[in-house]
Structure formats: C-alpha cells, structure tokens
C-alpha cells in the first residue's frame, strides 16, 4: 500500500471563495474512490490554526500499489480536478510512502 500525502498553500482568496473551493475539492476527490482503480481512500483536511507558516490544506490518499498511485495521477477525472485546482495553488509539497 502507498500513502500519498500532499499539502498546499493557496493563493489569496476571500473566505467564501476558500470555503467553496475546499468543499468542491473535497467532494470531487472523494468521488474518485470506487472510480479510480486501486484508490482505497481519500481524506482532505484544512488547516485550523491559521499560522502563516502552515499549509492551508492537506490530502492523504491510500493506494493499493505504486502502480495504482500512477493510475490515479493520470486518471482523467483526477487530471480534470487538477485543471481547476492548480491555479488556486501558491505552493505544494508531497510525500509518498509505503505503509
């Protein structure tokens, strides 16, 4: 199993835009479970501390294998999510690990 953890700092958005973007991101990512082969689970967690050095949101997804992670990243639905999410991102960090 592979754990895919990603963190993002977002561009400046007003509160309503941020909430709407995070809600849409969460809904669309969770909808991939059962659609993308090998994707076991998805959890999206926004930061609650509002500390400047913190990232704004984190994703942890679990995949059956490295190949399943590659399938997820290339899947058309995942690519479509990235197309609208990408312009909202100021900074990104990720760690993929075996669990």
N, C-alpha and C. Protein backbone atom coordinates (compact mmCIF):
# COMPACT_ATOMS: atom_id res chain seq x y z
N UNK A 1 0.85 -1.18 0.00
CA UNK A 1 0.00 0.00 0.00
C UNK A 1 0.89 1.24 0.00
N UNK A 2 0.39 2.27 -0.68
CA UNK A 2 1.11 3.54 -0.76
C UNK A 2 0.23 4.65 -0.19
N UNK A 3 0.82 5.43 0.70
CA UNK A 3 0.16 6.62 1.22
C UNK A 3 0.69 7.82 0.46
N UNK A 4 -0.20 8.59 -0.12
CA UNK A 4 0.12 9.79 -0.89
C UNK A 4 -0.34 10.98 -0.06
N UNK A 5 0.59 11.76 0.47
CA UNK A 5 0.25 12.92 1.29
C UNK A 5 0.70 14.18 0.56
N UNK A 6 -0.22 15.11 0.41
CA UNK A 6 0.05 16.35 -0.31
C UNK A 6 -0.47 17.52 0.53
N UNK A 7 0.32 18.62 0.53
CA UNK A 7 -0.09 19.84 1.23
C UNK A 7 -0.02 20.99 0.25
N UNK A 8 -0.96 21.93 0.38
CA UNK A 8 -0.99 23.10 -0.49
C UNK A 8 -1.14 24.37 0.32
N UNK A 9 -0.43 25.40 -0.13
CA UNK A 9 -0.73 26.78 0.27
C UNK A 9 -1.50 27.36 -0.90
N UNK A 10 -2.58 28.02 -0.61
CA UNK A 10 -3.42 28.58 -1.65
C UNK A 10 -3.09 30.05 -1.89
N UNK A 11 -3.48 30.54 -3.06
CA UNK A 11 -3.36 31.95 -3.35
C UNK A 11 -4.34 32.69 -2.44
N UNK A 12 -4.24 34.00 -2.40
CA UNK A 12 -5.16 34.79 -1.57
C UNK A 12 -6.57 34.67 -2.12
N UNK A 13 -7.45 34.17 -1.28
CA UNK A 13 -8.87 34.04 -1.61
C UNK A 13 -9.66 34.64 -0.45
N UNK A 14 -10.82 35.18 -0.74
CA UNK A 14 -11.65 35.61 0.39
C UNK A 14 -12.24 34.36 1.04
N UNK A 15 -12.82 34.54 2.21
CA UNK A 15 -13.31 33.39 2.98
C UNK A 15 -14.32 32.56 2.21
N UNK A 16 -15.25 33.20 1.53
CA UNK A 16 -16.28 32.46 0.78
C UNK A 16 -15.66 31.67 -0.36
N UNK A 17 -14.71 32.26 -1.07
CA UNK A 17 -14.03 31.55 -2.17
C UNK A 17 -13.25 30.35 -1.65
N UNK A 18 -12.57 30.54 -0.52
CA UNK A 18 -11.79 29.45 0.07
C UNK A 18 -12.69 28.30 0.49
N UNK A 19 -13.78 28.60 1.17
CA UNK A 19 -14.71 27.56 1.61
C UNK A 19 -15.29 26.82 0.41
N UNK A 20 -15.71 27.56 -0.59
CA UNK A 20 -16.29 26.94 -1.79
C UNK A 20 -15.27 26.06 -2.50
N UNK A 21 -14.05 26.53 -2.63
CA UNK A 21 -13.01 25.75 -3.31
C UNK A 21 -12.69 24.47 -2.53
N UNK A 22 -12.55 24.58 -1.21
CA UNK A 22 -12.24 23.39 -0.40
C UNK A 22 -13.39 22.40 -0.40
N UNK A 23 -14.63 22.89 -0.35
CA UNK A 23 -15.78 21.99 -0.41
C UNK A 23 -15.82 21.24 -1.74
N UNK A 24 -15.61 21.97 -2.83
CA UNK A 24 -15.62 21.33 -4.15
C UNK A 24 -14.47 20.33 -4.27
N UNK A 25 -13.28 20.72 -3.80
CA UNK A 25 -12.11 19.85 -3.87
C UNK A 25 -12.37 18.56 -3.11
N UNK A 26 -12.90 18.68 -1.91
CA UNK A 26 -13.20 17.52 -1.07
C UNK A 26 -14.22 16.61 -1.75
N UNK A 27 -15.30 17.18 -2.24
CA UNK A 27 -16.37 16.41 -2.89
C UNK A 27 -15.84 15.68 -4.11
N UNK A 28 -15.10 16.38 -4.95
CA UNK A 28 -14.62 15.77 -6.19
C UNK A 28 -13.56 14.70 -5.93
N UNK A 29 -12.68 14.92 -4.96
CA UNK A 29 -11.67 13.90 -4.66
C UNK A 29 -12.30 12.65 -4.06
N UNK A 30 -13.23 12.82 -3.13
CA UNK A 30 -13.89 11.66 -2.51
C UNK A 30 -14.67 10.85 -3.54
N UNK A 31 -15.17 11.52 -4.56
CA UNK A 31 -15.94 10.83 -5.61
C UNK A 31 -15.06 9.92 -6.45
N UNK A 32 -13.75 10.05 -6.36
CA UNK A 32 -12.84 9.20 -7.14
C UNK A 32 -12.72 7.79 -6.56
N UNK A 33 -13.02 7.64 -5.25
CA UNK A 33 -12.97 6.31 -4.63
C UNK A 33 -14.06 5.46 -5.26
N UNK A 34 -13.70 4.31 -5.76
CA UNK A 34 -14.62 3.43 -6.47
C UNK A 34 -14.65 3.68 -7.96
N UNK A 35 -14.03 4.77 -8.39
CA UNK A 35 -13.95 5.10 -9.82
C UNK A 35 -12.53 4.83 -10.33
N UNK A 36 -11.54 5.27 -9.57
CA UNK A 36 -10.13 5.07 -9.97
C UNK A 36 -9.66 3.73 -9.42
N UNK A 37 -9.25 2.82 -10.29
CA UNK A 37 -8.78 1.52 -9.83
C UNK A 37 -7.61 1.65 -8.85
N UNK A 38 -7.71 0.95 -7.73
CA UNK A 38 -6.62 0.92 -6.76
C UNK A 38 -6.62 2.05 -5.76
N UNK A 39 -7.55 3.00 -5.88
CA UNK A 39 -7.66 4.07 -4.89
C UNK A 39 -8.52 3.57 -3.74
N UNK A 40 -7.92 3.46 -2.57
CA UNK A 40 -8.60 2.87 -1.41
C UNK A 40 -9.38 3.93 -0.63
N UNK A 41 -8.75 5.09 -0.38
CA UNK A 41 -9.41 6.12 0.41
C UNK A 41 -8.79 7.48 0.14
N UNK A 42 -9.57 8.51 0.48
CA UNK A 42 -9.14 9.90 0.34
C UNK A 42 -9.62 10.66 1.57
N UNK A 43 -8.74 11.45 2.17
CA UNK A 43 -9.12 12.33 3.28
C UNK A 43 -8.50 13.70 3.03
N UNK A 44 -9.32 14.73 3.06
CA UNK A 44 -8.86 16.10 2.88
C UNK A 44 -9.06 16.83 4.19
N UNK A 45 -8.03 17.54 4.67
CA UNK A 45 -8.13 18.22 5.94
C UNK A 45 -7.59 19.65 5.83
N UNK A 46 -8.45 20.63 6.02
CA UNK A 46 -7.97 22.01 6.03
C UNK A 46 -7.28 22.34 7.35
N UNK A 47 -6.33 23.26 7.29
CA UNK A 47 -5.62 23.71 8.48
C UNK A 47 -6.57 24.51 9.36
N UNK A 48 -6.50 24.31 10.67
CA UNK A 48 -7.38 25.02 11.60
C UNK A 48 -6.66 26.07 12.43
N UNK A 49 -5.34 26.14 12.32
CA UNK A 49 -4.60 27.03 13.21
C UNK A 49 -4.34 28.41 12.63
N UNK A 50 -4.46 28.59 11.33
CA UNK A 50 -4.25 29.90 10.71
C UNK A 50 -2.89 30.48 11.08
N UNK A 51 -1.85 29.64 10.98
CA UNK A 51 -0.47 30.04 11.22
C UNK A 51 0.17 30.26 9.86
N UNK A 52 0.81 31.40 9.66
CA UNK A 52 1.35 31.78 8.35
C UNK A 52 2.25 30.70 7.75
N UNK A 53 3.04 30.02 8.56
CA UNK A 53 3.97 29.02 8.02
C UNK A 53 3.29 27.69 7.68
N UNK A 54 2.07 27.49 8.16
CA UNK A 54 1.35 26.26 7.86
C UNK A 54 0.83 26.25 6.42
N UNK A 55 0.66 25.06 5.90
CA UNK A 55 -0.05 24.91 4.64
C UNK A 55 -1.55 25.05 4.92
N UNK A 56 -2.33 25.34 3.89
CA UNK A 56 -3.76 25.58 4.07
C UNK A 56 -4.60 24.31 4.10
N UNK A 57 -4.16 23.28 3.40
CA UNK A 57 -4.95 22.07 3.30
C UNK A 57 -4.03 20.89 3.00
N UNK A 58 -4.41 19.72 3.51
CA UNK A 58 -3.65 18.50 3.26
C UNK A 58 -4.57 17.40 2.76
N UNK A 59 -4.02 16.56 1.92
CA UNK A 59 -4.71 15.39 1.38
C UNK A 59 -3.90 14.17 1.75
N UNK A 60 -4.56 13.13 2.21
CA UNK A 60 -3.93 11.83 2.39
C UNK A 60 -4.80 10.83 1.63
N UNK A 61 -4.19 10.19 0.64
CA UNK A 61 -4.92 9.14 -0.09
C UNK A 61 -4.12 7.84 0.03
N UNK A 62 -4.84 6.74 0.04
CA UNK A 62 -4.23 5.41 0.15
C UNK A 62 -4.49 4.68 -1.17
N UNK A 63 -3.43 4.05 -1.68
CA UNK A 63 -3.48 3.34 -2.96
C UNK A 63 -2.94 1.93 -2.76
N UNK A 64 -3.48 1.01 -3.54
CA UNK A 64 -3.09 -0.40 -3.39
C UNK A 64 -1.62 -0.65 -3.72
N UNK A 65 -1.04 0.18 -4.59
CA UNK A 65 0.34 -0.04 -5.02
C UNK A 65 0.88 1.24 -5.66
N UNK A 66 2.16 1.23 -5.99
CA UNK A 66 2.75 2.36 -6.71
C UNK A 66 2.08 2.52 -8.07
N UNK A 67 1.78 1.40 -8.70
CA UNK A 67 1.10 1.44 -10.00
C UNK A 67 -0.29 2.07 -9.86
N UNK A 68 -0.98 1.76 -8.77
CA UNK A 68 -2.30 2.34 -8.53
C UNK A 68 -2.20 3.85 -8.33
N UNK A 69 -1.14 4.30 -7.66
CA UNK A 69 -0.92 5.74 -7.49
C UNK A 69 -0.69 6.40 -8.86
N UNK A 70 0.10 5.76 -9.70
CA UNK A 70 0.34 6.29 -11.05
C UNK A 70 -0.96 6.34 -11.86
N UNK A 71 -1.79 5.33 -11.70
CA UNK A 71 -3.09 5.30 -12.38
C UNK A 71 -3.95 6.46 -11.90
N UNK A 72 -3.98 6.69 -10.61
CA UNK A 72 -4.74 7.81 -10.01
C UNK A 72 -4.26 9.14 -10.58
N UNK A 73 -2.96 9.33 -10.61
CA UNK A 73 -2.42 10.62 -11.06
C UNK A 73 -2.71 10.89 -12.53
N UNK A 74 -2.81 9.85 -13.34
CA UNK A 74 -3.07 10.01 -14.77
C UNK A 74 -4.55 9.90 -15.13
N UNK A 75 -5.39 9.52 -14.17
CA UNK A 75 -6.81 9.30 -14.45
C UNK A 75 -7.46 10.61 -14.92
N UNK A 76 -8.29 10.56 -15.95
CA UNK A 76 -8.90 11.78 -16.48
C UNK A 76 -9.69 12.60 -15.45
N UNK A 77 -10.36 11.95 -14.52
CA UNK A 77 -11.11 12.70 -13.51
C UNK A 77 -10.16 13.43 -12.56
N UNK A 78 -9.05 12.78 -12.18
CA UNK A 78 -8.06 13.43 -11.34
C UNK A 78 -7.41 14.60 -12.08
N UNK A 79 -7.09 14.40 -13.34
CA UNK A 79 -6.49 15.46 -14.16
C UNK A 79 -7.46 16.65 -14.27
N UNK A 80 -8.74 16.37 -14.42
CA UNK A 80 -9.74 17.44 -14.52
C UNK A 80 -9.83 18.24 -13.21
N UNK A 81 -9.74 17.57 -12.09
CA UNK A 81 -9.74 18.27 -10.80
C UNK A 81 -8.52 19.18 -10.73
N UNK A 82 -7.37 18.66 -11.11
CA UNK A 82 -6.14 19.45 -11.08
C UNK A 82 -6.20 20.67 -11.99
N UNK A 83 -6.96 20.58 -13.06
CA UNK A 83 -7.05 21.69 -14.01
C UNK A 83 -7.68 22.94 -13.38
N UNK A 84 -8.69 22.75 -12.54
CA UNK A 84 -9.28 23.93 -11.89
C UNK A 84 -8.63 24.24 -10.55
N UNK A 85 -8.08 23.23 -9.88
CA UNK A 85 -7.43 23.43 -8.57
C UNK A 85 -6.06 24.09 -8.72
N UNK A 86 -5.30 23.71 -9.73
CA UNK A 86 -3.93 24.20 -9.92
C UNK A 86 -3.78 25.71 -9.86
N UNK A 87 -4.63 26.48 -10.52
CA UNK A 87 -4.49 27.94 -10.47
C UNK A 87 -4.74 28.55 -9.08
N UNK A 88 -5.32 27.77 -8.16
CA UNK A 88 -5.55 28.25 -6.80
C UNK A 88 -4.35 28.01 -5.88
N UNK A 89 -3.35 27.29 -6.38
CA UNK A 89 -2.23 26.84 -5.56
C UNK A 89 -1.03 27.78 -5.70
N UNK A 90 -0.52 28.21 -4.53
CA UNK A 90 0.70 29.02 -4.50
C UNK A 90 1.92 28.14 -4.25
N UNK A 91 1.74 27.06 -3.47
CA UNK A 91 2.86 26.18 -3.12
C UNK A 91 2.31 24.79 -2.84
N UNK A 92 3.12 23.77 -3.16
CA UNK A 92 2.71 22.37 -2.98
C UNK A 92 3.88 21.57 -2.43
N UNK A 93 3.58 20.61 -1.59
CA UNK A 93 4.57 19.66 -1.11
C UNK A 93 3.93 18.29 -1.03
N UNK A 94 4.71 17.23 -1.23
CA UNK A 94 4.15 15.88 -1.19
C UNK A 94 5.16 14.87 -0.66
N UNK A 95 4.63 13.81 -0.10
CA UNK A 95 5.42 12.65 0.34
C UNK A 95 4.61 11.41 0.00
N UNK A 96 5.24 10.46 -0.68
CA UNK A 96 4.65 9.17 -0.96
C UNK A 96 5.42 8.12 -0.17
N UNK A 97 4.71 7.30 0.57
CA UNK A 97 5.39 6.33 1.42
C UNK A 97 4.67 4.99 1.40
N UNK A 98 5.43 3.94 1.64
CA UNK A 98 4.84 2.62 1.78
C UNK A 98 4.30 2.45 3.18
N UNK A 99 3.12 1.86 3.26
CA UNK A 99 2.53 1.62 4.58
C UNK A 99 2.12 0.18 4.70
